[in-house]
Amino acid sequence: MQKRHSGSLSFPLVAAFLLAGHSALVAQQSTPVLVGSVSFDAPSGQLQHLAVTVGDGGTGPYPAVLAGDTSLSTHTLYRPADLSPFDASNRLPIVAWANGACRNNSGEYRNFLTEVASHGFLVVAIGPAAHSLVLGSGAPGGGTESSQLLDAVEWAVAQNELPGGEYFQRIDGDHVALMGHSCGGAQALDVSHDRRITTTVLLNSGVLRQPRRAPQPQSPSPAGATAPSRPGSMVTMTKERLRELHGPVAYIVGGTSDIAYENAADDFERIDHVPVLFASRDVGHYPATFLDPHGGAYGTATVAWLKWHLKGDEQAARSFVGSECTLCEDSAWTVQSKGLR
């Protein structure tokens, strides 16, 4: 998306334009309203500023926006629009996100990631903000690396220490989550050995049993289990390396029709040294509930997990543990866990 002169482009209702690159599957879903403005530098035509509200900004207490930052042009930010409530006593934990098919675009997860951010998290997703806004799931698969998740963490931590910056003393670098969908989940696992990582969340993802000979996806789903280019994380992340995990891990999958189900279930059986959750809901591999308002059931479960592990929220913990475990009592979910307290 480029504009060859200076100024800004406002778009109160431009869903058809913004989603022109989406697949037919995405087009069938309800389209979220995007409201905001984008600005361009006149000589280069490059995007310099972007801040857009997705839908209503989420159900949390801090309505969120999809934003870009020129100091991290390779990533998209999902963050509370108003940062004034955050300070040294109420900081933003960091959530780094990797996309399905290891694509360089988080557009198809906008509803879900906006919902997460609205509960007081800084989400840093792989893929430029302009791509996430305009191209959506039309972006090609592959082209990203697991290390970009750590790039996101390092950038956020540095922003917290930058005097005069808008994130100064507002970011909680001691509480960090890595998350990803499908191939992006493998990327999250690939670098979760980093000691800064508090928890890892895998959505429709698990380690391939035979990564070098794994079959290609059977459908053209934009968030297939692997990308045709065989992203490195799908090869280098092995079952043996699950021993590198040092923090709680959650597997959220889409039932037995999810092509990642068996891999995730096998991971769950193998992990016995850290707390682990396996939660399954019969929604398939993609789009699961990512395109639902506020990310649907996946959004609710993921927010609860993050609030528990990154904010110490005891009420959120009751979604997964205790005599009144709300997720366990929901007939739409099948839940197993080991070591959760």
Protein backbone atom coordinates (compact mmCIF):
# COMPACT_ATOMS: atom_id res chain seq x y z
CA MET A 1 0.00 0.00 0.00
CA GLN A 2 1.65 3.21 -1.17
CA LYS A 3 0.68 6.80 -1.80
CA ARG A 4 2.99 9.01 -3.85
CA HIS A 5 2.27 12.31 -2.13
CA SER A 6 2.31 13.58 1.42
CA GLY A 7 -0.65 13.61 3.73
CA SER A 8 -2.86 11.03 5.33
CA LEU A 9 -5.61 8.64 4.31
CA SER A 10 -8.59 8.24 6.62
CA PHE A 11 -10.91 5.26 6.35
CA PRO A 12 -13.94 4.92 8.63
CA LEU A 13 -15.39 1.99 6.67
CA VAL A 14 -13.07 0.43 4.13
CA ALA A 15 -13.42 -3.28 4.85
CA ALA A 16 -13.81 -4.33 1.24
CA PHE A 17 -10.62 -2.50 0.23
CA LEU A 18 -8.57 -3.66 3.18
CA LEU A 19 -9.52 -7.30 2.78
CA ALA A 20 -9.18 -7.51 -1.00
CA GLY A 21 -6.27 -9.91 -0.66
CA HIS A 22 -8.06 -12.32 1.65
CA SER A 23 -8.91 -15.86 0.65
CA ALA A 24 -12.46 -16.94 -0.10
CA LEU A 25 -12.60 -18.56 3.32
CA VAL A 26 -11.78 -15.32 5.06
CA ALA A 27 -14.22 -13.41 2.87
CA GLN A 28 -17.06 -15.57 4.19
CA GLN A 29 -16.43 -14.40 7.75
CA SER A 30 -17.85 -11.26 9.29
CA THR A 31 -15.51 -8.41 8.40
CA PRO A 32 -14.30 -6.23 11.28
CA VAL A 33 -14.54 -2.48 10.92
CA LEU A 34 -11.18 -0.72 10.90
CA VAL A 35 -10.99 2.94 11.82
CA GLY A 36 -7.94 5.19 11.87
CA SER A 37 -5.35 6.91 9.74
CA VAL A 38 -2.12 6.16 7.91
CA SER A 39 0.56 8.63 6.86
CA PHE A 40 3.23 8.50 4.18
CA ASP A 41 6.57 10.13 3.59
CA ALA A 42 6.32 12.08 0.31
CA PRO A 43 9.72 11.28 -1.29
CA SER A 44 9.71 7.54 -0.63
CA GLY A 45 6.02 6.72 -0.43
CA GLN A 46 6.81 4.56 2.60
CA LEU A 47 4.44 4.21 5.50
CA GLN A 48 5.66 6.25 8.48
CA HIS A 49 2.80 6.09 10.94
CA LEU A 50 -0.15 3.78 11.47
CA ALA A 51 -2.68 3.44 14.28
CA VAL A 52 -5.92 1.64 13.56
CA THR A 53 -8.73 0.37 15.77
CA VAL A 54 -9.88 -3.14 14.88
CA GLY A 55 -13.59 -3.52 15.59
CA ASP A 56 -14.34 -2.05 19.00
CA GLY A 57 -10.77 -2.40 20.26
CA GLY A 58 -11.44 -5.50 22.35
CA THR A 59 -13.44 -6.31 25.48
CA GLY A 60 -10.68 -5.50 27.96
CA PRO A 61 -10.39 -2.30 30.00
CA TYR A 62 -7.82 -0.80 27.60
CA PRO A 63 -9.22 -0.47 24.04
CA ALA A 64 -6.42 -1.45 21.70
CA VAL A 65 -5.07 -0.44 18.31
CA LEU A 66 -3.01 -2.05 15.56
CA ALA A 67 0.05 0.17 15.24
CA GLY A 68 3.40 0.50 13.53
CA ASP A 69 6.67 1.85 14.87
CA THR A 70 9.51 2.95 12.61
CA SER A 71 12.06 1.60 15.09
CA LEU A 72 10.66 -1.90 14.53
CA SER A 73 9.38 -1.83 10.96
CA THR A 74 9.52 -5.64 10.67
CA HIS A 75 6.75 -6.12 13.23
CA THR A 76 3.19 -5.05 14.05
CA LEU A 77 2.16 -3.77 17.47
CA TYR A 78 -1.19 -4.48 19.11
CA ARG A 79 -1.32 -2.26 22.18
CA PRO A 80 -3.66 -0.18 24.32
CA ALA A 81 -4.43 3.05 22.50
CA ASP A 82 -3.99 5.06 25.68
CA LEU A 83 -0.76 4.27 27.50
CA SER A 84 -1.32 6.71 30.36
CA PRO A 85 -2.73 4.05 32.75
CA PHE A 86 0.59 2.18 32.58
CA ASP A 87 3.54 3.07 34.77
CA ALA A 88 6.03 1.44 37.11
CA SER A 89 3.18 -0.01 39.21
CA ASN A 90 1.10 -1.24 36.26
CA ARG A 91 3.32 -2.37 33.41
CA LEU A 92 2.55 -4.07 30.10
CA PRO A 93 3.76 -7.69 29.91
CA ILE A 94 5.24 -8.63 26.53
CA VAL A 95 3.56 -11.08 24.15
CA ALA A 96 5.52 -11.97 21.01
CA TRP A 97 3.45 -13.55 18.21
CA ALA A 98 4.33 -15.72 15.17
CA ASN A 99 1.87 -16.36 12.33
CA GLY A 100 0.48 -19.45 10.68
CA ALA A 101 2.50 -20.73 7.70
CA CYS A 102 5.37 -18.71 9.23
CA ARG A 103 4.06 -15.86 7.08
CA ASN A 104 5.25 -12.29 7.42
CA ASN A 105 1.79 -10.93 8.19
CA SER A 106 -0.53 -10.97 11.22
CA GLY A 107 -3.58 -9.56 9.45
CA GLU A 108 -5.78 -12.63 9.83
CA TYR A 109 -5.21 -12.61 13.60
CA ARG A 110 -6.19 -8.95 14.11
CA ASN A 111 -9.36 -9.69 16.09
CA PHE A 112 -7.57 -12.16 18.36
CA LEU A 113 -4.44 -10.07 18.99
CA THR A 114 -6.45 -6.89 19.55
CA GLU A 115 -8.46 -8.71 22.20
CA VAL A 116 -5.29 -9.83 23.96
CA ALA A 117 -3.84 -6.30 23.92
CA SER A 118 -7.03 -4.77 25.31
CA HIS A 119 -6.44 -6.62 28.59
CA GLY A 120 -3.20 -4.75 29.19
CA PHE A 121 -0.53 -6.49 27.12
CA LEU A 122 1.93 -5.28 24.52
CA VAL A 123 1.66 -7.71 21.61
CA VAL A 124 4.53 -7.59 19.11
CA ALA A 125 3.68 -9.68 16.04
CA ILE A 126 5.97 -10.73 13.22
CA GLY A 127 5.24 -8.85 9.99
CA PRO A 128 5.14 -5.14 9.05
CA ALA A 129 2.12 -3.17 10.23
CA ALA A 130 1.18 -2.05 6.72
CA HIS A 131 1.04 -5.68 5.58
CA SER A 132 -1.06 -6.71 8.55
CA LEU A 133 -3.49 -3.92 7.80
CA VAL A 134 -3.86 -4.27 4.05
CA LEU A 135 -2.80 -7.70 2.83
CA GLY A 136 -4.30 -9.91 5.48
CA SER A 137 -4.06 -13.61 4.66
CA GLY A 138 -3.08 -12.85 1.06
CA ALA A 139 0.58 -12.70 2.09
CA PRO A 140 2.78 -15.61 0.99
CA GLY A 141 3.83 -18.27 3.48
CA GLY A 142 7.30 -18.57 4.90
CA GLY A 143 9.89 -15.83 4.92
CA THR A 144 10.22 -15.45 8.69
CA GLU A 145 12.55 -16.81 11.36
CA SER A 146 12.04 -17.93 14.95
CA SER A 147 14.61 -15.33 16.02
CA GLN A 148 12.16 -12.56 15.09
CA LEU A 149 10.21 -13.43 18.23
CA LEU A 150 13.26 -12.63 20.31
CA ASP A 151 13.77 -9.47 18.25
CA ALA A 152 10.31 -8.45 19.42
CA VAL A 153 11.18 -9.08 23.06
CA GLU A 154 14.49 -7.23 22.85
CA TRP A 155 12.86 -4.22 21.20
CA ALA A 156 10.16 -4.01 23.86
CA VAL A 157 12.65 -4.30 26.71
CA ALA A 158 14.79 -1.56 25.16
CA GLN A 159 11.76 0.73 24.78
CA ASN A 160 11.11 0.45 28.50
CA GLU A 161 14.55 1.94 29.18
CA LEU A 162 14.33 4.74 26.61
CA PRO A 163 13.87 8.08 28.41
CA GLY A 164 11.28 10.25 26.71
CA GLY A 165 9.84 7.35 24.73
CA GLU A 166 6.14 6.58 24.93
CA TYR A 167 6.87 3.15 26.47
CA PHE A 168 9.40 4.40 29.04
CA GLN A 169 8.92 2.55 32.36
CA ARG A 170 5.66 1.05 31.07
CA ILE A 171 6.80 -2.40 29.90
CA ASP A 172 7.25 -5.47 32.08
CA GLY A 173 10.29 -7.28 30.69
CA ASP A 174 10.15 -9.82 33.53
CA HIS A 175 6.92 -11.36 32.20
CA VAL A 176 7.12 -12.50 28.59
CA ALA A 177 5.01 -14.91 26.52
CA LEU A 178 5.79 -16.42 23.15
CA MET A 179 2.76 -17.45 21.10
CA GLY A 180 2.10 -18.71 17.61
CA HIS A 181 -0.40 -20.43 15.35
CA SER A 182 0.48 -23.58 13.40
CA CYS A 183 3.99 -23.07 11.95
CA GLY A 184 4.23 -19.99 14.17
CA GLY A 185 3.77 -22.27 17.16
CA ALA A 186 6.84 -24.24 16.12
CA GLN A 187 8.72 -20.94 15.91
CA ALA A 188 7.63 -20.10 19.46
CA LEU A 189 8.81 -23.49 20.75
CA ASP A 190 12.08 -23.13 18.83
CA VAL A 191 13.19 -20.16 20.95
CA SER A 192 11.34 -20.81 24.23
CA HIS A 193 14.60 -22.01 25.77
CA ASP A 194 15.48 -18.31 26.19
CA ARG A 195 15.51 -17.68 29.94
CA ARG A 196 13.47 -14.48 29.56
CA ILE A 197 10.41 -16.46 28.49
CA THR A 198 7.77 -16.93 31.18
CA THR A 199 5.25 -19.03 29.26
CA THR A 200 4.59 -20.39 25.76
CA VAL A 201 1.19 -20.71 24.07
CA LEU A 202 0.70 -22.95 21.02
CA LEU A 203 -2.48 -22.61 18.98
CA ASN A 204 -3.24 -25.42 16.52
CA SER A 205 0.38 -26.43 16.68
CA GLY A 206 2.75 -29.14 17.84
CA VAL A 207 6.13 -30.58 16.96
CA LEU A 208 6.07 -32.76 13.86
CA ARG A 209 7.06 -36.35 14.61
CA GLN A 210 9.11 -36.60 11.40
CA PRO A 211 9.72 -32.97 10.43
CA ARG A 212 12.00 -33.70 7.48
CA ARG A 213 9.49 -35.97 5.79
CA ALA A 214 6.27 -34.38 6.95
CA PRO A 215 3.55 -34.15 4.25
CA GLN A 216 2.56 -30.85 2.75
CA PRO A 217 -0.79 -29.32 3.81
CA GLN A 218 -3.75 -30.95 2.05
CA SER A 219 -5.74 -27.75 1.72
CA PRO A 220 -4.90 -24.20 0.57
CA SER A 221 -5.65 -22.84 4.03
CA PRO A 222 -3.50 -19.72 4.57
CA ALA A 223 -2.50 -20.98 7.98
CA GLY A 224 -1.58 -24.53 7.06
CA ALA A 225 0.59 -26.62 9.33
CA THR A 226 3.65 -25.98 7.20
CA ALA A 227 4.63 -23.65 4.41
CA PRO A 228 5.81 -25.00 1.04
CA SER A 229 9.26 -23.59 1.70
CA ARG A 230 9.63 -25.86 4.76
CA PRO A 231 10.43 -23.12 7.31
CA GLY A 232 13.51 -23.92 9.36
CA SER A 233 11.62 -24.03 12.67
CA MET A 234 9.51 -26.93 11.40
CA VAL A 235 12.73 -28.87 10.85
CA THR A 236 14.89 -27.77 13.78
CA MET A 237 12.20 -28.02 16.47
CA THR A 238 12.21 -31.68 17.49
CA LYS A 239 10.44 -33.72 20.15
CA GLU A 240 13.71 -34.05 22.04
CA ARG A 241 14.01 -30.29 22.34
CA LEU A 242 10.77 -30.10 24.33
CA ARG A 243 13.07 -30.75 27.30
CA GLU A 244 14.36 -27.19 26.81
CA LEU A 245 11.06 -25.71 28.00
CA HIS A 246 11.45 -24.11 31.41
CA GLY A 247 8.07 -22.43 31.89
CA PRO A 248 4.38 -23.39 31.70
CA VAL A 249 3.12 -24.22 28.22
CA ALA A 250 -0.41 -24.28 26.83
CA TYR A 251 -1.60 -26.19 23.77
CA ILE A 252 -4.92 -24.93 22.40
CA VAL A 253 -6.11 -27.04 19.47
CA GLY A 254 -9.14 -27.42 17.22
CA GLY A 255 -10.29 -30.96 17.89
CA THR A 256 -9.46 -34.17 16.05
CA SER A 257 -10.08 -32.55 12.66
CA ASP A 258 -7.20 -30.17 13.36
CA ILE A 259 -4.16 -31.39 11.39
CA ALA A 260 -1.99 -30.36 14.35
CA TYR A 261 -4.04 -32.32 16.92
CA GLU A 262 -1.97 -35.51 17.01
CA ASN A 263 1.33 -33.62 17.15
CA ALA A 264 0.08 -31.45 20.01
CA ALA A 265 -1.33 -34.45 21.90
CA ASP A 266 2.01 -36.25 21.54
CA ASP A 267 3.85 -33.18 22.87
CA PHE A 268 1.52 -33.11 25.86
CA GLU A 269 2.23 -36.74 26.68
CA ARG A 270 5.99 -36.20 26.45
CA ILE A 271 6.18 -33.05 28.60
CA ASP A 272 6.56 -33.98 32.25
CA HIS A 273 9.00 -31.42 33.65
CA VAL A 274 6.97 -28.18 33.39
CA PRO A 275 3.26 -27.43 33.87
CA VAL A 276 1.33 -28.10 30.65
CA LEU A 277 -2.24 -27.57 29.44
CA PHE A 278 -3.95 -29.35 26.55
CA ALA A 279 -7.28 -27.73 25.65
CA SER A 280 -9.24 -28.83 22.60
CA ARG A 281 -12.36 -27.35 21.01
CA ASP A 282 -13.92 -28.74 17.84
CA VAL A 283 -13.18 -25.79 15.52
CA GLY A 284 -10.60 -27.30 13.13
CA HIS A 285 -7.20 -25.99 12.20
CA TYR A 286 -8.07 -22.72 10.48
CA PRO A 287 -9.70 -20.31 10.88
CA ALA A 288 -10.58 -21.88 14.25
CA THR A 289 -12.02 -18.83 16.07
CA PHE A 290 -9.42 -16.23 15.07
CA LEU A 291 -11.83 -14.40 12.76
CA ASP A 292 -14.66 -14.31 15.29
CA PRO A 293 -15.30 -11.04 17.11
CA HIS A 294 -12.61 -10.65 19.80
CA GLY A 295 -10.99 -13.90 18.66
CA GLY A 296 -13.92 -15.98 19.90
CA ALA A 297 -13.32 -18.85 22.31
CA TYR A 298 -9.59 -18.88 21.58
CA GLY A 299 -9.41 -15.24 22.60
CA THR A 300 -11.16 -15.88 25.91
CA ALA A 301 -8.98 -18.87 26.83
CA THR A 302 -5.71 -17.24 25.77
CA VAL A 303 -6.40 -14.01 27.65
CA ALA A 304 -7.14 -15.99 30.81
CA TRP A 305 -3.89 -17.96 30.48
CA LEU A 306 -1.84 -14.78 29.95
CA LYS A 307 -3.51 -12.91 32.80
CA TRP A 308 -2.71 -15.83 35.10
CA HIS A 309 0.90 -16.38 34.08
CA LEU A 310 1.97 -12.82 33.23
CA LYS A 311 -0.12 -10.82 35.70
CA GLY A 312 -0.66 -13.29 38.55
CA ASP A 313 -4.46 -13.00 38.22
CA GLU A 314 -5.95 -15.64 40.54
CA GLN A 315 -9.44 -15.23 39.08
CA ALA A 316 -8.05 -16.00 35.61
CA ALA A 317 -6.33 -19.09 37.02
CA ARG A 318 -9.75 -20.52 37.85
CA SER A 319 -10.34 -20.98 34.14
CA PHE A 320 -7.87 -23.86 34.26
CA VAL A 321 -7.51 -25.18 37.83
CA GLY A 322 -9.52 -25.74 40.97
CA SER A 323 -12.89 -27.22 41.79
CA GLU A 324 -14.64 -24.60 39.65
CA CYS A 325 -12.35 -24.81 36.61
CA THR A 326 -14.53 -22.94 34.10
CA LEU A 327 -12.85 -24.27 30.98
CA CYS A 328 -13.09 -27.82 32.33
CA GLU A 329 -16.80 -27.41 32.99
CA ASP A 330 -17.51 -26.03 29.52
CA SER A 331 -18.79 -28.95 27.41
CA ALA A 332 -17.37 -27.35 24.26
CA TRP A 333 -13.84 -27.86 25.60
CA THR A 334 -11.87 -31.01 26.39
CA VAL A 335 -9.18 -30.17 28.92
CA GLN A 336 -6.20 -32.09 30.29
CA SER A 337 -3.35 -30.72 32.35
CA LYS A 338 -0.24 -31.76 34.24
CA GLY A 339 1.44 -29.84 37.03
CA LEU A 340 -0.87 -26.79 36.95
CA ARG A 341 -1.38 -25.22 40.39
